[in-house]
Amino acid sequence: MTSSTETGGVTGTPDKDYNLIWYVEACLSNALRLESYIQDAEREKDTEVADLFRKAQADSRKGAELGKGLLRARLDGS
């Protein structure tokens, strides 16, 4: 966790970019973790829970894609 005064001097990455990088990583990590949860639910033949986790996984993937697009544009200087 960065302090409230860290603005990139320590990390070399401005907070707004660091936060965006963190967000993308969190979304991707969540999508990966949900894959295990989906498999667990399917193994138990609980389609309701598996469907919930699939929807959450799709949202996480979408968030990651949106974040990657913003990050790409900002790091390219656009």
PDB file of N, CA and C in Angstrom:
ATOM      1  N   MET A   1       0.852  -1.177   0.000  1.00  0.00           N
ATOM      2  CA  MET A   1       0.000   0.000   0.000  1.00  0.00           C
ATOM      3  C   MET A   1       0.893   1.234   0.000  1.00  0.00           C
ATOM      4  N   THR A   2       0.603   2.157  -0.879  1.00  0.00           N
ATOM      5  CA  THR A   2       1.382   3.377  -0.942  1.00  0.00           C
ATOM      6  C   THR A   2       0.859   4.361   0.086  1.00  0.00           C
ATOM      7  N   SER A   3       1.744   5.227   0.578  1.00  0.00           N
ATOM      8  CA  SER A   3       1.299   6.248   1.520  1.00  0.00           C
ATOM      9  C   SER A   3       0.512   7.308   0.766  1.00  0.00           C
ATOM     10  N   SER A   4      -0.170   8.165   1.526  1.00  0.00           N
ATOM     11  CA  SER A   4      -0.992   9.192   0.889  1.00  0.00           C
ATOM     12  C   SER A   4      -0.138  10.258   0.217  1.00  0.00           C
ATOM     13  N   THR A   5       1.173  10.270   0.489  1.00  0.00           N
ATOM     14  CA  THR A   5       2.035  11.277  -0.122  1.00  0.00           C
ATOM     15  C   THR A   5       2.868  10.729  -1.272  1.00  0.00           C
ATOM     16  N   GLU A   6       2.852   9.432  -1.508  1.00  0.00           N
ATOM     17  CA  GLU A   6       3.630   8.826  -2.598  1.00  0.00           C
ATOM     18  C   GLU A   6       2.993   9.194  -3.928  1.00  0.00           C
ATOM     19  N   THR A   7       3.759   9.819  -4.785  1.00  0.00           N
ATOM     20  CA  THR A   7       3.242  10.210  -6.101  1.00  0.00           C
ATOM     21  C   THR A   7       4.117   9.679  -7.221  1.00  0.00           C
ATOM     22  N   GLY A   8       4.867   8.634  -6.936  1.00  0.00           N
ATOM     23  CA  GLY A   8       5.698   8.019  -7.951  1.00  0.00           C
ATOM     24  C   GLY A   8       7.177   8.183  -7.713  1.00  0.00           C
ATOM     25  N   GLY A   9       7.559   8.978  -6.730  1.00  0.00           N
ATOM     26  CA  GLY A   9       8.971   9.180  -6.447  1.00  0.00           C
ATOM     27  C   GLY A   9       9.661   7.914  -5.982  1.00  0.00           C
ATOM     28  N   VAL A  10       8.986   7.116  -5.203  1.00  0.00           N
ATOM     29  CA  VAL A  10       9.560   5.873  -4.686  1.00  0.00           C
ATOM     30  C   VAL A  10       9.483   4.763  -5.720  1.00  0.00           C
ATOM     31  N   THR A  11       8.324   4.615  -6.351  1.00  0.00           N
ATOM     32  CA  THR A  11       8.121   3.504  -7.287  1.00  0.00           C
ATOM     33  C   THR A  11       8.553   3.825  -8.701  1.00  0.00           C
ATOM     34  N   GLY A  12       8.644   5.099  -9.024  1.00  0.00           N
ATOM     35  CA  GLY A  12       8.943   5.499 -10.396  1.00  0.00           C
ATOM     36  C   GLY A  12       7.722   5.451 -11.291  1.00  0.00           C
ATOM     37  N   THR A  13       6.574   5.181 -10.710  1.00  0.00           N
ATOM     38  CA  THR A  13       5.317   5.105 -11.451  1.00  0.00           C
ATOM     39  C   THR A  13       4.301   6.013 -10.768  1.00  0.00           C
ATOM     40  N   PRO A  14       3.761   6.995 -11.473  1.00  0.00           N
ATOM     41  CA  PRO A  14       2.763   7.868 -10.851  1.00  0.00           C
ATOM     42  C   PRO A  14       1.612   7.055 -10.261  1.00  0.00           C
ATOM     43  N   ASP A  15       1.073   7.525  -9.152  1.00  0.00           N
ATOM     44  CA  ASP A  15       0.006   6.796  -8.470  1.00  0.00           C
ATOM     45  C   ASP A  15      -1.125   6.390  -9.394  1.00  0.00           C
ATOM     46  N   LYS A  16      -1.575   7.305 -10.259  1.00  0.00           N
ATOM     47  CA  LYS A  16      -2.717   6.980 -11.123  1.00  0.00           C
ATOM     48  C   LYS A  16      -2.380   5.812 -12.038  1.00  0.00           C
ATOM     49  N   ASP A  17      -1.147   5.735 -12.546  1.00  0.00           N
ATOM     50  CA  ASP A  17      -0.749   4.606 -13.384  1.00  0.00           C
ATOM     51  C   ASP A  17      -0.583   3.343 -12.554  1.00  0.00           C
ATOM     52  N   TYR A  18       0.021   3.489 -11.383  1.00  0.00           N
ATOM     53  CA  TYR A  18       0.187   2.347 -10.483  1.00  0.00           C
ATOM     54  C   TYR A  18      -1.171   1.760 -10.131  1.00  0.00           C
ATOM     55  N   ASN A  19      -2.124   2.630  -9.804  1.00  0.00           N
ATOM     56  CA  ASN A  19      -3.466   2.168  -9.445  1.00  0.00           C
ATOM     57  C   ASN A  19      -4.126   1.431 -10.607  1.00  0.00           C
ATOM     58  N   LEU A  20      -3.917   1.910 -11.808  1.00  0.00           N
ATOM     59  CA  LEU A  20      -4.487   1.273 -12.993  1.00  0.00           C
ATOM     60  C   LEU A  20      -3.836  -0.099 -13.227  1.00  0.00           C
ATOM     61  N   ILE A  21      -2.536  -0.168 -13.040  1.00  0.00           N
ATOM     62  CA  ILE A  21      -1.831  -1.449 -13.156  1.00  0.00           C
ATOM     63  C   ILE A  21      -2.372  -2.428 -12.113  1.00  0.00           C
ATOM     64  N   TRP A  22      -2.541  -1.949 -10.878  1.00  0.00           N
ATOM     65  CA  TRP A  22      -3.075  -2.798  -9.817  1.00  0.00           C
ATOM     66  C   TRP A  22      -4.465  -3.303 -10.191  1.00  0.00           C
ATOM     67  N   TYR A  23      -5.305  -2.415 -10.716  1.00  0.00           N
ATOM     68  CA  TYR A  23      -6.674  -2.778 -11.071  1.00  0.00           C
ATOM     69  C   TYR A  23      -6.698  -3.894 -12.120  1.00  0.00           C
ATOM     70  N   VAL A  24      -5.882  -3.750 -13.148  1.00  0.00           N
ATOM     71  CA  VAL A  24      -5.830  -4.765 -14.201  1.00  0.00           C
ATOM     72  C   VAL A  24      -5.378  -6.100 -13.613  1.00  0.00           C
ATOM     73  N   GLU A  25      -4.344  -6.067 -12.788  1.00  0.00           N
ATOM     74  CA  GLU A  25      -3.845  -7.303 -12.175  1.00  0.00           C
ATOM     75  C   GLU A  25      -4.911  -7.931 -11.298  1.00  0.00           C
ATOM     76  N   ALA A  26      -5.630  -7.118 -10.522  1.00  0.00           N
ATOM     77  CA  ALA A  26      -6.676  -7.645  -9.645  1.00  0.00           C
ATOM     78  C   ALA A  26      -7.797  -8.288 -10.457  1.00  0.00           C
ATOM     79  N   CYS A  27      -8.193  -7.663 -11.552  1.00  0.00           N
ATOM     80  CA  CYS A  27      -9.240  -8.232 -12.411  1.00  0.00           C
ATOM     81  C   CYS A  27      -8.799  -9.569 -12.997  1.00  0.00           C
ATOM     82  N   LEU A  28      -7.564  -9.623 -13.502  1.00  0.00           N
ATOM     83  CA  LEU A  28      -7.057 -10.864 -14.095  1.00  0.00           C
ATOM     84  C   LEU A  28      -6.916 -11.961 -13.051  1.00  0.00           C
ATOM     85  N   SER A  29      -6.436 -11.599 -11.876  1.00  0.00           N
ATOM     86  CA  SER A  29      -6.297 -12.566 -10.792  1.00  0.00           C
ATOM     87  C   SER A  29      -7.662 -13.100 -10.377  1.00  0.00           C
ATOM     88  N   ASN A  30      -8.641 -12.216 -10.315  1.00  0.00           N
ATOM     89  CA  ASN A  30      -9.995 -12.626  -9.959  1.00  0.00           C
ATOM     90  C   ASN A  30     -10.569 -13.583 -11.004  1.00  0.00           C
ATOM     91  N   ALA A  31     -10.364 -13.280 -12.280  1.00  0.00           N
ATOM     92  CA  ALA A  31     -10.858 -14.158 -13.343  1.00  0.00           C
ATOM     93  C   ALA A  31     -10.223 -15.543 -13.240  1.00  0.00           C
ATOM     94  N   LEU A  32      -8.952 -15.570 -12.924  1.00  0.00           N
ATOM     95  CA  LEU A  32      -8.253 -16.849 -12.782  1.00  0.00           C
ATOM     96  C   LEU A  32      -8.775 -17.628 -11.579  1.00  0.00           C
ATOM     97  N   ARG A  33      -8.935 -16.962 -10.454  1.00  0.00           N
ATOM     98  CA  ARG A  33      -9.445 -17.623  -9.250  1.00  0.00           C
ATOM     99  C   ARG A  33     -10.859 -18.151  -9.475  1.00  0.00           C
ATOM    100  N   LEU A  34     -11.687 -17.366 -10.161  1.00  0.00           N
ATOM    101  CA  LEU A  34     -13.058 -17.788 -10.405  1.00  0.00           C
ATOM    102  C   LEU A  34     -13.123 -19.050 -11.255  1.00  0.00           C
ATOM    103  N   GLU A  35     -12.118 -19.286 -12.096  1.00  0.00           N
ATOM    104  CA  GLU A  35     -12.094 -20.521 -12.890  1.00  0.00           C
ATOM    105  C   GLU A  35     -12.094 -21.746 -11.969  1.00  0.00           C
ATOM    106  N   SER A  36     -11.331 -21.678 -10.902  1.00  0.00           N
ATOM    107  CA  SER A  36     -11.309 -22.781  -9.926  1.00  0.00           C
ATOM    108  C   SER A  36     -12.657 -22.925  -9.241  1.00  0.00           C
ATOM    109  N   TYR A  37     -13.273 -21.806  -8.916  1.00  0.00           N
ATOM    110  CA  TYR A  37     -14.573 -21.852  -8.256  1.00  0.00           C
ATOM    111  C   TYR A  37     -15.640 -22.418  -9.184  1.00  0.00           C
ATOM    112  N   ILE A  38     -15.562 -22.075 -10.463  1.00  0.00           N
ATOM    113  CA  ILE A  38     -16.497 -22.623 -11.447  1.00  0.00           C
ATOM    114  C   ILE A  38     -16.344 -24.143 -11.515  1.00  0.00           C
ATOM    115  N   GLN A  39     -15.117 -24.603 -11.572  1.00  0.00           N
ATOM    116  CA  GLN A  39     -14.867 -26.042 -11.635  1.00  0.00           C
ATOM    117  C   GLN A  39     -15.383 -26.747 -10.383  1.00  0.00           C
ATOM    118  N   ASP A  40     -15.189 -26.118  -9.212  1.00  0.00           N
ATOM    119  CA  ASP A  40     -15.710 -26.692  -7.967  1.00  0.00           C
ATOM    120  C   ASP A  40     -17.232 -26.817  -8.023  1.00  0.00           C
ATOM    121  N   ALA A  41     -17.891 -25.761  -8.478  1.00  0.00           N
ATOM    122  CA  ALA A  41     -19.356 -25.784  -8.548  1.00  0.00           C
ATOM    123  C   ALA A  41     -19.839 -26.828  -9.556  1.00  0.00           C
ATOM    124  N   GLU A  42     -19.152 -26.913 -10.690  1.00  0.00           N
ATOM    125  CA  GLU A  42     -19.536 -27.915 -11.692  1.00  0.00           C
ATOM    126  C   GLU A  42     -19.343 -29.333 -11.161  1.00  0.00           C
ATOM    127  N   ARG A  43     -18.269 -29.542 -10.421  1.00  0.00           N
ATOM    128  CA  ARG A  43     -18.015 -30.866  -9.843  1.00  0.00           C
ATOM    129  C   ARG A  43     -19.158 -31.262  -8.898  1.00  0.00           C
ATOM    130  N   GLU A  44     -19.724 -30.262  -8.221  1.00  0.00           N
ATOM    131  CA  GLU A  44     -20.849 -30.511  -7.312  1.00  0.00           C
ATOM    132  C   GLU A  44     -22.196 -30.433  -8.023  1.00  0.00           C
ATOM    133  N   LYS A  45     -22.149 -30.212  -9.345  1.00  0.00           N
ATOM    134  CA  LYS A  45     -23.354 -30.106 -10.179  1.00  0.00           C
ATOM    135  C   LYS A  45     -24.274 -28.972  -9.713  1.00  0.00           C
ATOM    136  N   ASP A  46     -23.653 -27.880  -9.254  1.00  0.00           N
ATOM    137  CA  ASP A  46     -24.395 -26.699  -8.814  1.00  0.00           C
ATOM    138  C   ASP A  46     -24.314 -25.648  -9.917  1.00  0.00           C
ATOM    139  N   THR A  47     -25.211 -25.777 -10.883  1.00  0.00           N
ATOM    140  CA  THR A  47     -25.167 -24.890 -12.048  1.00  0.00           C
ATOM    141  C   THR A  47     -25.503 -23.444 -11.699  1.00  0.00           C
ATOM    142  N   GLU A  48     -26.316 -23.246 -10.671  1.00  0.00           N
ATOM    143  CA  GLU A  48     -26.670 -21.882 -10.275  1.00  0.00           C
ATOM    144  C   GLU A  48     -25.427 -21.114  -9.806  1.00  0.00           C
ATOM    145  N   VAL A  49     -24.632 -21.749  -8.970  1.00  0.00           N
ATOM    146  CA  VAL A  49     -23.413 -21.106  -8.481  1.00  0.00           C
ATOM    147  C   VAL A  49     -22.389 -20.999  -9.612  1.00  0.00           C
ATOM    148  N   ALA A  50     -22.267 -22.021 -10.422  1.00  0.00           N
ATOM    149  CA  ALA A  50     -21.323 -21.980 -11.545  1.00  0.00           C
ATOM    150  C   ALA A  50     -21.677 -20.829 -12.486  1.00  0.00           C
ATOM    151  N   ASP A  51     -22.963 -20.632 -12.756  1.00  0.00           N
ATOM    152  CA  ASP A  51     -23.392 -19.532 -13.627  1.00  0.00           C
ATOM    153  C   ASP A  51     -23.074 -18.177 -13.005  1.00  0.00           C
ATOM    154  N   LEU A  52     -23.284 -18.050 -11.699  1.00  0.00           N
ATOM    155  CA  LEU A  52     -22.944 -16.807 -11.008  1.00  0.00           C
ATOM    156  C   LEU A  52     -21.454 -16.505 -11.171  1.00  0.00           C
ATOM    157  N   PHE A  53     -20.621 -17.515 -10.947  1.00  0.00           N
ATOM    158  CA  PHE A  53     -19.176 -17.324 -11.053  1.00  0.00           C
ATOM    159  C   PHE A  53     -18.754 -17.041 -12.493  1.00  0.00           C
ATOM    160  N   ARG A  54     -19.428 -17.641 -13.466  1.00  0.00           N
ATOM    161  CA  ARG A  54     -19.124 -17.343 -14.876  1.00  0.00           C
ATOM    162  C   ARG A  54     -19.416 -15.878 -15.199  1.00  0.00           C
ATOM    163  N   LYS A  55     -20.537 -15.379 -14.693  1.00  0.00           N
ATOM    164  CA  LYS A  55     -20.886 -13.967 -14.914  1.00  0.00           C
ATOM    165  C   LYS A  55     -19.855 -13.060 -14.250  1.00  0.00           C
ATOM    166  N   ALA A  56     -19.467 -13.401 -13.038  1.00  0.00           N
ATOM    167  CA  ALA A  56     -18.459 -12.605 -12.333  1.00  0.00           C
ATOM    168  C   ALA A  56     -17.124 -12.655 -13.075  1.00  0.00           C
ATOM    169  N   GLN A  57     -16.789 -13.814 -13.610  1.00  0.00           N
ATOM    170  CA  GLN A  57     -15.544 -13.971 -14.362  1.00  0.00           C
ATOM    171  C   GLN A  57     -15.582 -13.107 -15.631  1.00  0.00           C
ATOM    172  N   ALA A  58     -16.708 -13.095 -16.309  1.00  0.00           N
ATOM    173  CA  ALA A  58     -16.853 -12.263 -17.514  1.00  0.00           C
ATOM    174  C   ALA A  58     -16.705 -10.784 -17.159  1.00  0.00           C
ATOM    175  N   ASP A  59     -17.287 -10.376 -16.036  1.00  0.00           N
ATOM    176  CA  ASP A  59     -17.138  -8.983 -15.599  1.00  0.00           C
ATOM    177  C   ASP A  59     -15.683  -8.658 -15.285  1.00  0.00           C
ATOM    178  N   SER A  60     -14.979  -9.585 -14.657  1.00  0.00           N
ATOM    179  CA  SER A  60     -13.569  -9.370 -14.340  1.00  0.00           C
ATOM    180  C   SER A  60     -12.736  -9.261 -15.615  1.00  0.00           C
ATOM    181  N   ARG A  61     -13.022 -10.117 -16.580  1.00  0.00           N
ATOM    182  CA  ARG A  61     -12.311 -10.031 -17.860  1.00  0.00           C
ATOM    183  C   ARG A  61     -12.579  -8.702 -18.553  1.00  0.00           C
ATOM    184  N   LYS A  62     -13.841  -8.268 -18.524  1.00  0.00           N
ATOM    185  CA  LYS A  62     -14.197  -6.992 -19.142  1.00  0.00           C
ATOM    186  C   LYS A  62     -13.462  -5.847 -18.450  1.00  0.00           C
ATOM    187  N   GLY A  63     -13.433  -5.865 -17.124  1.00  0.00           N
ATOM    188  CA  GLY A  63     -12.720  -4.834 -16.379  1.00  0.00           C
ATOM    189  C   GLY A  63     -11.247  -4.805 -16.732  1.00  0.00           C
ATOM    190  N   ALA A  64     -10.656  -5.987 -16.867  1.00  0.00           N
ATOM    191  CA  ALA A  64      -9.238  -6.069 -17.230  1.00  0.00           C
ATOM    192  C   ALA A  64      -9.003  -5.497 -18.623  1.00  0.00           C
ATOM    193  N   GLU A  65      -9.878  -5.809 -19.559  1.00  0.00           N
ATOM    194  CA  GLU A  65      -9.720  -5.300 -20.921  1.00  0.00           C
ATOM    195  C   GLU A  65      -9.858  -3.781 -20.962  1.00  0.00           C
ATOM    196  N   LEU A  66     -10.836  -3.260 -20.247  1.00  0.00           N
ATOM    197  CA  LEU A  66     -11.011  -1.807 -20.195  1.00  0.00           C
ATOM    198  C   LEU A  66      -9.787  -1.147 -19.562  1.00  0.00           C
ATOM    199  N   GLY A  67      -9.312  -1.724 -18.477  1.00  0.00           N
ATOM    200  CA  GLY A  67      -8.137  -1.189 -17.803  1.00  0.00           C
ATOM    201  C   GLY A  67      -6.894  -1.264 -18.670  1.00  0.00           C
ATOM    202  N   LYS A  68      -6.723  -2.365 -19.376  1.00  0.00           N
ATOM    203  CA  LYS A  68      -5.564  -2.490 -20.265  1.00  0.00           C
ATOM    204  C   LYS A  68      -5.609  -1.452 -21.369  1.00  0.00           C
ATOM    205  N   GLY A  69      -6.800  -1.186 -21.881  1.00  0.00           N
ATOM    206  CA  GLY A  69      -6.931  -0.178 -22.928  1.00  0.00           C
ATOM    207  C   GLY A  69      -6.542   1.206 -22.429  1.00  0.00           C
ATOM    208  N   LEU A  70      -7.020   1.566 -21.246  1.00  0.00           N
ATOM    209  CA  LEU A  70      -6.652   2.856 -20.668  1.00  0.00           C
ATOM    210  C   LEU A  70      -5.163   2.930 -20.379  1.00  0.00           C
ATOM    211  N   LEU A  71      -4.635   1.864 -19.815  1.00  0.00           N
ATOM    212  CA  LEU A  71      -3.216   1.837 -19.492  1.00  0.00           C
ATOM    213  C   LEU A  71      -2.360   1.944 -20.745  1.00  0.00           C
ATOM    214  N   ARG A  72      -2.730   1.214 -21.773  1.00  0.00           N
ATOM    215  CA  ARG A  72      -2.000   1.253 -23.046  1.00  0.00           C
ATOM    216  C   ARG A  72      -1.977   2.670 -23.597  1.00  0.00           C
ATOM    217  N   ALA A  73      -3.120   3.320 -23.620  1.00  0.00           N
ATOM    218  CA  ALA A  73      -3.214   4.689 -24.151  1.00  0.00           C
ATOM    219  C   ALA A  73      -2.376   5.657 -23.322  1.00  0.00           C
ATOM    220  N   ARG A  74      -2.402   5.518 -22.030  1.00  0.00           N
ATOM    221  CA  ARG A  74      -1.680   6.449 -21.168  1.00  0.00           C
ATOM    222  C   ARG A  74      -0.173   6.217 -21.234  1.00  0.00           C
ATOM    223  N   LEU A  75       0.247   4.963 -21.317  1.00  0.00           N
ATOM    224  CA  LEU A  75       1.682   4.684 -21.382  1.00  0.00           C
ATOM    225  C   LEU A  75       2.250   5.012 -22.745  1.00  0.00           C
ATOM    226  N   ASP A  76       1.407   4.961 -23.788  1.00  0.00           N
ATOM    227  CA  ASP A  76       1.838   5.360 -25.128  1.00  0.00           C
ATOM    228  C   ASP A  76       1.886   6.871 -25.280  1.00  0.00           C
ATOM    229  N   GLY A  77       1.351   7.581 -24.272  1.00  0.00           N
ATOM    230  CA  GLY A  77       1.353   9.026 -24.316  1.00  0.00           C
ATOM    231  C   GLY A  77       0.191   9.639 -25.060  1.00  0.00           C
ATOM    232  N   SER A  78      -0.833   8.843 -25.333  1.00  0.00           N
ATOM    233  CA  SER A  78      -1.996   9.355 -26.070  1.00  0.00           C
ATOM    234  C   SER A  78      -2.885  10.174 -25.168  1.00  0.00           C
TER     235      SER A  78
END
